[in-house]
Every structure is written in C-alpha cells, then in structure tokens.
N, C-alpha and C. Protein backbone atom coordinates (compact mmCIF):
# COMPACT_ATOMS: atom_id res chain seq x y z
N ALA A 1 -5.09 -6.59 -4.34
CA ALA A 1 -5.13 -5.50 -5.29
C ALA A 1 -5.78 -5.99 -6.56
N GLY A 2 -6.21 -5.07 -7.40
CA GLY A 2 -6.81 -5.46 -8.65
C GLY A 2 -8.28 -5.06 -8.69
N ARG A 3 -9.02 -5.64 -9.63
CA ARG A 3 -10.44 -5.33 -9.77
C ARG A 3 -11.18 -5.84 -8.55
N LEU A 4 -12.21 -5.12 -8.18
CA LEU A 4 -12.94 -5.44 -6.97
C LEU A 4 -14.16 -6.29 -7.27
N GLY A 5 -14.47 -7.21 -6.37
CA GLY A 5 -15.72 -7.94 -6.41
C GLY A 5 -15.85 -9.00 -7.47
N GLN A 6 -14.78 -9.46 -8.04
CA GLN A 6 -14.88 -10.50 -9.05
C GLN A 6 -14.96 -11.86 -8.39
N VAL A 7 -15.91 -12.67 -8.84
CA VAL A 7 -16.08 -14.02 -8.35
C VAL A 7 -15.93 -14.96 -9.53
N VAL A 8 -15.15 -16.00 -9.34
CA VAL A 8 -14.91 -16.96 -10.40
C VAL A 8 -15.44 -18.30 -9.95
N SER A 9 -16.11 -19.02 -10.83
CA SER A 9 -16.62 -20.35 -10.49
C SER A 9 -16.32 -21.31 -11.63
N ASN A 10 -16.44 -22.61 -11.34
CA ASN A 10 -16.20 -23.66 -12.34
C ASN A 10 -14.85 -23.50 -13.01
N VAL A 11 -13.82 -23.35 -12.21
CA VAL A 11 -12.49 -23.10 -12.72
C VAL A 11 -11.78 -24.41 -13.03
N MET A 12 -11.10 -24.44 -14.15
CA MET A 12 -10.22 -25.55 -14.48
C MET A 12 -8.81 -24.99 -14.41
N ALA A 13 -7.89 -25.77 -13.86
CA ALA A 13 -6.57 -25.20 -13.65
C ALA A 13 -5.48 -26.26 -13.80
N ASN A 14 -4.29 -25.76 -14.00
CA ASN A 14 -3.09 -26.58 -13.96
C ASN A 14 -2.30 -26.16 -12.74
N ALA A 15 -1.51 -27.07 -12.22
CA ALA A 15 -0.65 -26.78 -11.08
C ALA A 15 0.78 -27.09 -11.46
N ILE A 16 1.70 -26.28 -10.99
CA ILE A 16 3.12 -26.51 -11.27
C ILE A 16 3.55 -27.80 -10.59
N ARG A 17 4.22 -28.64 -11.32
CA ARG A 17 4.68 -29.93 -10.81
C ARG A 17 5.76 -29.71 -9.76
N LEU A 18 5.58 -30.30 -8.59
CA LEU A 18 6.51 -30.19 -7.49
C LEU A 18 7.91 -30.63 -7.92
N GLY A 19 8.91 -29.84 -7.57
CA GLY A 19 10.29 -30.20 -7.87
C GLY A 19 10.80 -29.73 -9.22
N THR A 20 9.97 -29.04 -10.00
CA THR A 20 10.43 -28.56 -11.30
C THR A 20 11.08 -27.19 -11.13
N THR A 21 11.92 -26.84 -12.08
CA THR A 21 12.71 -25.61 -11.97
C THR A 21 12.18 -24.45 -12.79
N GLY A 22 11.35 -24.73 -13.78
CA GLY A 22 10.89 -23.66 -14.64
C GLY A 22 11.86 -23.34 -15.75
N ASN A 23 12.86 -24.18 -15.94
CA ASN A 23 13.86 -23.94 -16.96
C ASN A 23 13.86 -25.09 -17.95
N PRO A 24 13.51 -24.95 -19.20
CA PRO A 24 13.13 -23.70 -19.84
C PRO A 24 11.67 -23.34 -19.59
N ASN A 25 10.83 -24.32 -19.22
CA ASN A 25 9.41 -24.05 -18.95
C ASN A 25 9.00 -24.80 -17.69
N TRP A 26 7.95 -24.34 -17.05
CA TRP A 26 7.42 -25.04 -15.88
C TRP A 26 6.64 -26.26 -16.35
N ALA A 27 6.86 -27.39 -15.71
CA ALA A 27 6.06 -28.59 -15.97
C ALA A 27 4.79 -28.47 -15.13
N VAL A 28 3.63 -28.73 -15.76
CA VAL A 28 2.37 -28.62 -15.04
C VAL A 28 1.54 -29.88 -15.22
N ASP A 29 0.64 -30.10 -14.30
CA ASP A 29 -0.32 -31.19 -14.37
C ASP A 29 -1.70 -30.60 -14.14
N ALA A 30 -2.72 -31.27 -14.68
CA ALA A 30 -4.08 -30.83 -14.42
C ALA A 30 -4.34 -30.88 -12.92
N ALA A 31 -4.97 -29.86 -12.38
CA ALA A 31 -5.22 -29.81 -10.94
C ALA A 31 -6.21 -30.88 -10.52
N GLY A 32 -7.06 -31.32 -11.43
CA GLY A 32 -8.02 -32.37 -11.10
C GLY A 32 -9.17 -31.85 -10.27
N THR A 33 -10.05 -32.77 -9.91
CA THR A 33 -11.20 -32.39 -9.10
C THR A 33 -10.96 -32.82 -7.66
N GLY A 34 -11.70 -32.27 -6.80
CA GLY A 34 -11.54 -32.59 -5.39
C GLY A 34 -12.29 -31.60 -4.55
N SER A 35 -11.83 -31.41 -3.36
CA SER A 35 -12.52 -30.48 -2.47
C SER A 35 -12.34 -29.04 -2.97
N ILE A 36 -13.33 -28.26 -2.69
CA ILE A 36 -13.27 -26.85 -3.08
C ILE A 36 -12.49 -26.09 -2.03
N GLN A 37 -11.52 -25.31 -2.47
CA GLN A 37 -10.71 -24.52 -1.56
C GLN A 37 -10.62 -23.10 -2.09
N THR A 38 -10.33 -22.19 -1.18
CA THR A 38 -10.17 -20.79 -1.56
C THR A 38 -8.79 -20.59 -2.15
N LEU A 39 -8.72 -19.89 -3.26
CA LEU A 39 -7.46 -19.55 -3.89
C LEU A 39 -7.31 -18.04 -3.81
N GLN A 40 -6.24 -17.60 -3.18
CA GLN A 40 -5.98 -16.18 -3.11
C GLN A 40 -4.88 -15.85 -4.11
N VAL A 41 -5.16 -14.92 -4.99
CA VAL A 41 -4.20 -14.49 -5.99
C VAL A 41 -3.81 -13.06 -5.65
N VAL A 42 -2.54 -12.83 -5.43
CA VAL A 42 -2.05 -11.50 -5.12
C VAL A 42 -1.45 -10.91 -6.39
N VAL A 43 -2.02 -9.83 -6.84
CA VAL A 43 -1.54 -9.17 -8.04
C VAL A 43 -0.56 -8.09 -7.60
N VAL A 44 0.67 -8.20 -8.05
CA VAL A 44 1.68 -7.20 -7.71
C VAL A 44 1.68 -6.18 -8.85
N GLY A 45 0.91 -5.13 -8.65
CA GLY A 45 0.77 -4.11 -9.67
C GLY A 45 1.76 -2.98 -9.53
N LEU A 46 2.57 -3.01 -8.46
CA LEU A 46 3.54 -1.95 -8.22
C LEU A 46 4.81 -2.52 -7.63
N LYS A 47 5.93 -2.12 -8.19
CA LYS A 47 7.25 -2.52 -7.69
C LYS A 47 8.13 -1.28 -7.60
N ILE A 48 9.16 -1.36 -6.75
CA ILE A 48 10.13 -0.27 -6.62
C ILE A 48 11.51 -0.85 -6.88
N ASN A 49 12.38 -0.11 -7.56
CA ASN A 49 13.67 -0.69 -7.94
C ASN A 49 14.60 -0.91 -6.76
N LEU A 50 14.56 -0.07 -5.73
CA LEU A 50 15.35 -0.26 -4.51
C LEU A 50 14.51 0.20 -3.32
N PRO A 51 14.48 -0.55 -2.22
CA PRO A 51 13.59 -0.22 -1.11
C PRO A 51 14.14 0.80 -0.11
N THR A 52 15.36 1.30 -0.32
CA THR A 52 15.94 2.30 0.57
C THR A 52 16.53 3.43 -0.25
N ILE A 53 16.67 4.59 0.42
CA ILE A 53 17.32 5.73 -0.21
C ILE A 53 18.00 6.55 0.89
N SER A 54 19.18 7.05 0.63
CA SER A 54 19.97 7.75 1.63
C SER A 54 19.63 9.24 1.68
N VAL A 55 19.45 9.75 2.90
CA VAL A 55 19.21 11.19 3.06
C VAL A 55 20.51 11.98 2.87
N ALA A 56 21.65 11.30 2.87
CA ALA A 56 22.94 11.98 2.69
C ALA A 56 23.18 12.38 1.24
N THR A 57 22.51 11.72 0.31
CA THR A 57 22.67 12.03 -1.10
C THR A 57 21.29 12.19 -1.73
N VAL A 58 21.17 13.05 -2.67
CA VAL A 58 19.91 13.20 -3.39
C VAL A 58 19.89 12.12 -4.45
N GLY A 59 18.84 11.33 -4.47
CA GLY A 59 18.73 10.24 -5.43
C GLY A 59 17.29 10.02 -5.83
N SER A 60 17.08 9.02 -6.68
CA SER A 60 15.75 8.71 -7.19
C SER A 60 15.48 7.22 -7.11
N ARG A 61 14.23 6.88 -7.10
CA ARG A 61 13.78 5.50 -7.16
C ARG A 61 12.68 5.42 -8.21
N ILE A 62 12.65 4.28 -8.91
CA ILE A 62 11.67 4.07 -9.97
C ILE A 62 10.54 3.20 -9.44
N LEU A 63 9.33 3.71 -9.55
CA LEU A 63 8.12 2.96 -9.20
C LEU A 63 7.55 2.44 -10.51
N SER A 64 7.50 1.12 -10.66
CA SER A 64 7.03 0.49 -11.90
C SER A 64 5.60 -0.01 -11.71
N LEU A 65 4.69 0.51 -12.51
CA LEU A 65 3.28 0.16 -12.45
C LEU A 65 2.97 -0.88 -13.51
N ASP A 66 2.14 -1.86 -13.17
CA ASP A 66 1.67 -2.84 -14.13
C ASP A 66 0.26 -3.26 -13.74
N ALA A 67 -0.72 -2.65 -14.37
CA ALA A 67 -2.12 -2.95 -14.09
C ALA A 67 -2.69 -3.96 -15.07
N GLY A 68 -1.85 -4.48 -15.97
CA GLY A 68 -2.31 -5.47 -16.93
C GLY A 68 -2.84 -4.84 -18.19
N VAL A 69 -2.76 -5.60 -19.27
CA VAL A 69 -3.14 -5.10 -20.58
C VAL A 69 -4.62 -4.72 -20.64
N ALA A 70 -5.46 -5.33 -19.82
CA ALA A 70 -6.89 -4.99 -19.81
C ALA A 70 -7.11 -3.54 -19.37
N ASN A 71 -6.12 -2.94 -18.71
CA ASN A 71 -6.23 -1.56 -18.25
C ASN A 71 -5.41 -0.59 -19.10
N ALA A 72 -4.96 -1.02 -20.24
CA ALA A 72 -4.15 -0.17 -21.12
C ALA A 72 -4.86 1.15 -21.39
N GLY A 73 -4.09 2.24 -21.32
CA GLY A 73 -4.61 3.56 -21.65
C GLY A 73 -5.37 4.25 -20.54
N ARG A 74 -5.61 3.56 -19.45
CA ARG A 74 -6.37 4.18 -18.35
C ARG A 74 -5.51 5.19 -17.59
N ILE A 75 -6.18 6.07 -16.85
CA ILE A 75 -5.51 7.08 -16.05
C ILE A 75 -5.17 6.48 -14.69
N PHE A 76 -3.91 6.67 -14.26
CA PHE A 76 -3.51 6.25 -12.93
C PHE A 76 -3.13 7.48 -12.11
N PHE A 77 -3.19 7.31 -10.78
CA PHE A 77 -2.81 8.39 -9.87
C PHE A 77 -1.97 7.75 -8.75
N MET A 78 -0.68 8.07 -8.74
CA MET A 78 0.26 7.57 -7.73
C MET A 78 0.24 8.53 -6.54
N LEU A 79 0.15 7.96 -5.34
CA LEU A 79 0.10 8.75 -4.12
C LEU A 79 1.08 8.18 -3.11
N GLY A 80 1.41 8.97 -2.09
CA GLY A 80 2.34 8.51 -1.08
C GLY A 80 1.91 8.93 0.32
N THR A 81 2.46 8.25 1.32
CA THR A 81 2.19 8.57 2.71
C THR A 81 3.41 8.24 3.56
N PHE A 82 3.48 8.82 4.75
CA PHE A 82 4.49 8.42 5.72
C PHE A 82 3.83 7.96 7.01
N SER A 83 2.54 7.54 6.91
CA SER A 83 1.84 7.08 8.12
C SER A 83 1.30 5.66 8.00
N GLY A 84 1.88 4.86 7.13
CA GLY A 84 1.52 3.45 7.05
C GLY A 84 0.43 3.11 6.06
N THR A 85 0.06 1.83 6.04
CA THR A 85 -0.83 1.32 5.00
C THR A 85 -2.16 0.76 5.52
N SER A 86 -2.30 0.59 6.81
CA SER A 86 -3.51 -0.02 7.34
C SER A 86 -4.11 0.89 8.41
N PRO A 87 -5.37 1.20 8.33
CA PRO A 87 -6.43 0.55 7.56
C PRO A 87 -6.57 1.07 6.13
N GLY A 88 -5.89 2.14 5.76
CA GLY A 88 -6.02 2.70 4.43
C GLY A 88 -7.22 3.62 4.33
N LEU A 89 -7.52 4.04 3.11
CA LEU A 89 -8.63 4.95 2.85
C LEU A 89 -9.65 4.33 1.92
N ARG A 90 -10.91 4.32 2.34
CA ARG A 90 -11.98 3.81 1.47
C ARG A 90 -12.30 4.88 0.43
N LEU A 91 -12.28 4.48 -0.83
CA LEU A 91 -12.53 5.39 -1.94
C LEU A 91 -13.93 5.17 -2.49
N ALA A 92 -14.36 6.08 -3.34
CA ALA A 92 -15.64 5.92 -4.02
C ALA A 92 -15.65 4.57 -4.74
N GLY A 93 -16.75 3.87 -4.68
CA GLY A 93 -16.84 2.57 -5.33
C GLY A 93 -16.42 1.43 -4.41
N GLY A 94 -15.92 1.74 -3.20
CA GLY A 94 -15.59 0.69 -2.25
C GLY A 94 -14.15 0.26 -2.21
N ALA A 95 -13.33 0.71 -3.14
CA ALA A 95 -11.91 0.33 -3.14
C ALA A 95 -11.24 0.92 -1.91
N VAL A 96 -10.24 0.21 -1.39
CA VAL A 96 -9.46 0.71 -0.27
C VAL A 96 -8.04 0.99 -0.75
N LEU A 97 -7.66 2.25 -0.71
CA LEU A 97 -6.30 2.65 -1.04
C LEU A 97 -5.43 2.35 0.18
N PRO A 98 -4.38 1.53 0.04
CA PRO A 98 -3.60 1.13 1.22
C PRO A 98 -2.60 2.18 1.67
N LEU A 99 -3.10 3.39 1.90
CA LEU A 99 -2.29 4.50 2.40
C LEU A 99 -3.10 5.24 3.47
N ASN A 100 -2.48 5.51 4.60
CA ASN A 100 -3.14 6.26 5.68
C ASN A 100 -2.95 7.76 5.47
N PRO A 101 -3.87 8.55 6.00
CA PRO A 101 -3.76 10.01 5.87
C PRO A 101 -2.44 10.54 6.46
N SER A 102 -1.85 11.49 5.77
CA SER A 102 -0.65 12.18 6.24
C SER A 102 -0.51 13.46 5.42
N PHE A 103 0.39 14.33 5.85
CA PHE A 103 0.68 15.52 5.09
C PHE A 103 1.15 15.16 3.68
N TYR A 104 2.00 14.13 3.57
CA TYR A 104 2.52 13.73 2.27
C TYR A 104 1.40 13.22 1.36
N LEU A 105 0.43 12.49 1.91
CA LEU A 105 -0.69 12.01 1.10
C LEU A 105 -1.48 13.21 0.57
N THR A 106 -1.80 14.15 1.43
CA THR A 106 -2.53 15.35 1.01
C THR A 106 -1.73 16.11 -0.05
N TRP A 107 -0.44 16.25 0.18
CA TRP A 107 0.40 16.98 -0.76
C TRP A 107 0.48 16.27 -2.11
N SER A 108 0.70 14.95 -2.10
CA SER A 108 0.82 14.22 -3.37
C SER A 108 -0.51 14.22 -4.14
N ALA A 109 -1.63 14.24 -3.43
CA ALA A 109 -2.94 14.31 -4.10
C ALA A 109 -3.20 15.69 -4.67
N SER A 110 -2.67 16.72 -4.03
CA SER A 110 -2.91 18.10 -4.45
C SER A 110 -1.91 18.63 -5.47
N ASN A 111 -0.79 17.92 -5.64
CA ASN A 111 0.29 18.39 -6.52
C ASN A 111 0.78 17.28 -7.45
N PRO A 112 -0.11 16.75 -8.30
CA PRO A 112 0.33 15.67 -9.18
C PRO A 112 1.43 16.12 -10.13
N ASN A 113 2.25 15.16 -10.53
CA ASN A 113 3.32 15.38 -11.50
C ASN A 113 4.34 16.42 -11.05
N THR A 114 4.50 16.54 -9.74
CA THR A 114 5.43 17.48 -9.15
C THR A 114 6.38 16.72 -8.24
N ALA A 115 7.67 17.05 -8.29
CA ALA A 115 8.64 16.39 -7.42
C ALA A 115 8.17 16.48 -5.98
N PRO A 116 8.33 15.43 -5.22
CA PRO A 116 9.18 14.28 -5.48
C PRO A 116 8.56 13.18 -6.34
N LEU A 117 7.28 13.28 -6.73
CA LEU A 117 6.64 12.25 -7.57
C LEU A 117 6.36 12.80 -8.96
N THR A 118 7.23 12.50 -9.90
CA THR A 118 6.99 12.93 -11.28
C THR A 118 6.30 11.81 -12.04
N ASN A 119 5.44 12.19 -12.96
CA ASN A 119 4.60 11.27 -13.72
C ASN A 119 3.69 10.48 -12.76
N SER A 120 3.06 11.20 -11.84
CA SER A 120 2.19 10.54 -10.86
C SER A 120 0.73 10.51 -11.28
N LEU A 121 0.34 11.33 -12.23
CA LEU A 121 -1.01 11.34 -12.78
C LEU A 121 -0.87 11.33 -14.29
N ALA A 122 -1.13 10.18 -14.88
CA ALA A 122 -0.87 10.01 -16.31
C ALA A 122 -1.65 8.80 -16.82
N HIS A 123 -1.39 8.43 -18.06
CA HIS A 123 -2.04 7.27 -18.67
C HIS A 123 -1.08 6.08 -18.70
N LEU A 124 -1.64 4.90 -18.49
CA LEU A 124 -0.88 3.66 -18.68
C LEU A 124 -0.64 3.48 -20.18
N ASN A 125 0.44 2.79 -20.52
CA ASN A 125 0.72 2.55 -21.94
C ASN A 125 -0.15 1.42 -22.49
N GLY A 126 0.11 1.00 -23.71
CA GLY A 126 -0.67 -0.04 -24.37
C GLY A 126 -0.58 -1.40 -23.72
N SER A 127 0.36 -1.59 -22.83
CA SER A 127 0.49 -2.84 -22.08
C SER A 127 -0.05 -2.70 -20.66
N GLY A 128 -0.60 -1.53 -20.33
CA GLY A 128 -1.12 -1.30 -18.99
C GLY A 128 -0.02 -1.00 -17.99
N GLN A 129 1.09 -0.44 -18.47
CA GLN A 129 2.25 -0.17 -17.62
C GLN A 129 2.65 1.30 -17.67
N ALA A 130 3.41 1.72 -16.66
CA ALA A 130 3.95 3.08 -16.60
C ALA A 130 5.04 3.10 -15.53
N THR A 131 5.74 4.22 -15.45
CA THR A 131 6.70 4.42 -14.36
C THR A 131 6.48 5.81 -13.76
N THR A 132 6.69 5.88 -12.46
CA THR A 132 6.69 7.13 -11.73
C THR A 132 8.06 7.25 -11.08
N LEU A 133 8.61 8.43 -11.05
CA LEU A 133 9.92 8.65 -10.45
C LEU A 133 9.76 9.37 -9.12
N PHE A 134 10.33 8.79 -8.06
CA PHE A 134 10.40 9.45 -6.76
C PHE A 134 11.81 9.98 -6.61
N THR A 135 11.94 11.30 -6.44
CA THR A 135 13.24 11.93 -6.24
C THR A 135 13.28 12.54 -4.85
N LEU A 136 14.20 12.06 -4.05
CA LEU A 136 14.31 12.52 -2.67
C LEU A 136 14.81 13.96 -2.64
N PRO A 137 14.07 14.85 -1.99
CA PRO A 137 14.57 16.22 -1.84
C PRO A 137 15.64 16.27 -0.75
N HIS A 138 16.31 17.40 -0.63
CA HIS A 138 17.29 17.57 0.45
C HIS A 138 16.56 17.49 1.78
N LEU A 139 17.00 16.58 2.63
CA LEU A 139 16.39 16.41 3.95
C LEU A 139 17.48 16.39 5.00
N PRO A 140 17.15 16.76 6.23
CA PRO A 140 18.16 16.71 7.30
C PRO A 140 18.46 15.25 7.67
N PRO A 141 19.64 14.98 8.24
CA PRO A 141 19.99 13.61 8.64
C PRO A 141 18.96 12.99 9.58
N SER A 142 18.25 13.81 10.34
CA SER A 142 17.25 13.28 11.27
C SER A 142 16.07 12.61 10.56
N ALA A 143 15.94 12.79 9.25
CA ALA A 143 14.86 12.15 8.50
C ALA A 143 15.13 10.66 8.29
N ALA A 144 16.37 10.22 8.51
CA ALA A 144 16.70 8.79 8.38
C ALA A 144 15.80 8.00 9.33
N GLY A 145 15.28 6.92 8.83
CA GLY A 145 14.36 6.09 9.59
C GLY A 145 12.91 6.28 9.18
N LEU A 146 12.62 7.36 8.49
CA LEU A 146 11.27 7.60 8.01
C LEU A 146 10.93 6.57 6.94
N VAL A 147 9.73 6.03 7.00
CA VAL A 147 9.28 5.03 6.05
C VAL A 147 8.13 5.62 5.24
N LEU A 148 8.30 5.62 3.92
CA LEU A 148 7.27 6.09 3.01
C LEU A 148 6.62 4.88 2.34
N HIS A 149 5.36 5.01 2.00
CA HIS A 149 4.67 4.00 1.20
C HIS A 149 4.02 4.71 0.02
N HIS A 150 3.98 4.02 -1.10
CA HIS A 150 3.33 4.54 -2.30
C HIS A 150 2.39 3.47 -2.86
N ALA A 151 1.31 3.92 -3.48
CA ALA A 151 0.37 3.04 -4.16
C ALA A 151 -0.34 3.90 -5.20
N TYR A 152 -1.00 3.23 -6.16
CA TYR A 152 -1.74 3.99 -7.16
C TYR A 152 -3.15 3.44 -7.29
N VAL A 153 -3.99 4.27 -7.87
CA VAL A 153 -5.38 3.92 -8.13
C VAL A 153 -5.67 4.24 -9.60
N LEU A 154 -6.48 3.41 -10.22
CA LEU A 154 -6.94 3.71 -11.58
C LEU A 154 -8.24 4.48 -11.48
N LEU A 155 -8.37 5.48 -12.33
CA LEU A 155 -9.52 6.38 -12.29
C LEU A 155 -10.48 6.11 -13.44
N GLN A 156 -11.68 6.58 -13.27
CA GLN A 156 -12.74 6.58 -14.31
C GLN A 156 -13.05 5.19 -14.85
N PRO A 157 -13.57 4.25 -14.10
CA PRO A 157 -13.98 4.36 -12.71
C PRO A 157 -12.84 3.98 -11.76
N ILE A 158 -13.05 4.26 -10.48
CA ILE A 158 -12.09 3.85 -9.46
C ILE A 158 -12.41 2.39 -9.12
N ASP A 159 -11.71 1.46 -9.78
CA ASP A 159 -12.01 0.05 -9.57
C ASP A 159 -10.74 -0.80 -9.45
N PHE A 160 -9.60 -0.15 -9.32
CA PHE A 160 -8.33 -0.88 -9.22
C PHE A 160 -7.41 -0.07 -8.32
N VAL A 161 -6.86 -0.71 -7.30
CA VAL A 161 -5.83 -0.11 -6.47
C VAL A 161 -4.65 -1.07 -6.43
N SER A 162 -3.47 -0.51 -6.40
CA SER A 162 -2.27 -1.35 -6.38
C SER A 162 -1.92 -1.76 -4.96
N ASN A 163 -1.00 -2.67 -4.87
CA ASN A 163 -0.36 -2.99 -3.60
C ASN A 163 0.51 -1.80 -3.21
N PRO A 164 0.79 -1.62 -1.93
CA PRO A 164 1.72 -0.56 -1.53
C PRO A 164 3.16 -1.05 -1.65
N VAL A 165 4.08 -0.11 -1.90
CA VAL A 165 5.51 -0.41 -1.82
C VAL A 165 6.13 0.50 -0.77
N GLN A 166 7.13 -0.03 -0.11
CA GLN A 166 7.79 0.68 0.98
C GLN A 166 9.12 1.25 0.52
N LEU A 167 9.42 2.47 0.97
CA LEU A 167 10.71 3.12 0.73
C LEU A 167 11.18 3.68 2.06
N THR A 168 12.32 3.17 2.54
CA THR A 168 12.86 3.59 3.84
C THR A 168 14.01 4.55 3.63
N LEU A 169 13.96 5.68 4.34
CA LEU A 169 15.05 6.65 4.30
C LEU A 169 16.13 6.19 5.27
N VAL A 170 17.37 6.09 4.79
CA VAL A 170 18.50 5.63 5.59
C VAL A 170 19.52 6.76 5.67
N PRO A 171 20.48 6.67 6.63
CA PRO A 171 21.50 7.73 6.78
C PRO A 171 22.33 7.97 5.52
C-alpha cells in the first residue's frame, strides 16, 4: 500500500540491534555496506478496532485511517466488499484497490457517508488521519460467518490505496 512506483537508491540505514527491547528507545547500529537486497516496507494505512462483530447485537467498529502527514488534507474514499481482496480492482493510474466486486462494493461506492459506513468520503486531517465508522445493520442470524473487507483510496490523484482490513460477522 502507499504511493505507487517509487524507487529508492543509495539508501543509508540503521538496523535495530538484535535482542533490544525498545524500552525506552530502540538501540540501532549502522546497517553498513554489503550485498544489495530487496527491502519490502508494508505501510499499514488502515486498522480496525475489533476484527469481529456479532449479528445478535447492533454494534459499530472504528476504521482508523493513516495515510501519513504528506497526505494531510487529501480526500479519501472508504469502500467495502464481501467477496474478498484478490485480485482486487485496477483503478485509474494503475493502483489496485484490494477489494473484489460485490453488491456491497457497488453500494458503498454509490452511497458515501451513509450507514453502514459513515464518514467514508471526507478529508484527512492535518496529520493525514481520519476515522470511518462501520455500524452493523440488523441482520438475520444466518449472516454469521460473512467476512467483510474494507480499504480506502486517496483521490485527486488516485495514487494511494490502503491495505484491506477484515471484519467477520459472528453469531
């Protein structure tokens, strides 16, 4: 997730010293020179406060967005699906939204800022953060076991997509 197509070269880095606890700070050493290796950095731009929700009670879950301060003030669009995350949808500009087509995806795209996803189309704050609220509507007990995924995209331009988060409906 994150900005697309960025290539970094001539990087200098520190590495966390093996066996340190991070309390009060992480001890680091210069990474030094050596063989060139690929470094994969996973940006967790979306978190959910609890990964399950009961169909027996109406409740809510908080989706916390963090696109970084470089994206402060930008417009985000939170979407959802119940058909998984792979292969996802290719968007304008080449980004892949990790949500597969479903009725819920179509509905969430066509009805922003409407329950069950409130604050789904809005601006990030000055720190590049926001929250969206998912409120479970009344559903029959047979809906238990359904797995929803949510992710967001930054607009104008479409150059950032978040990781997906999973929400499982339980009895």
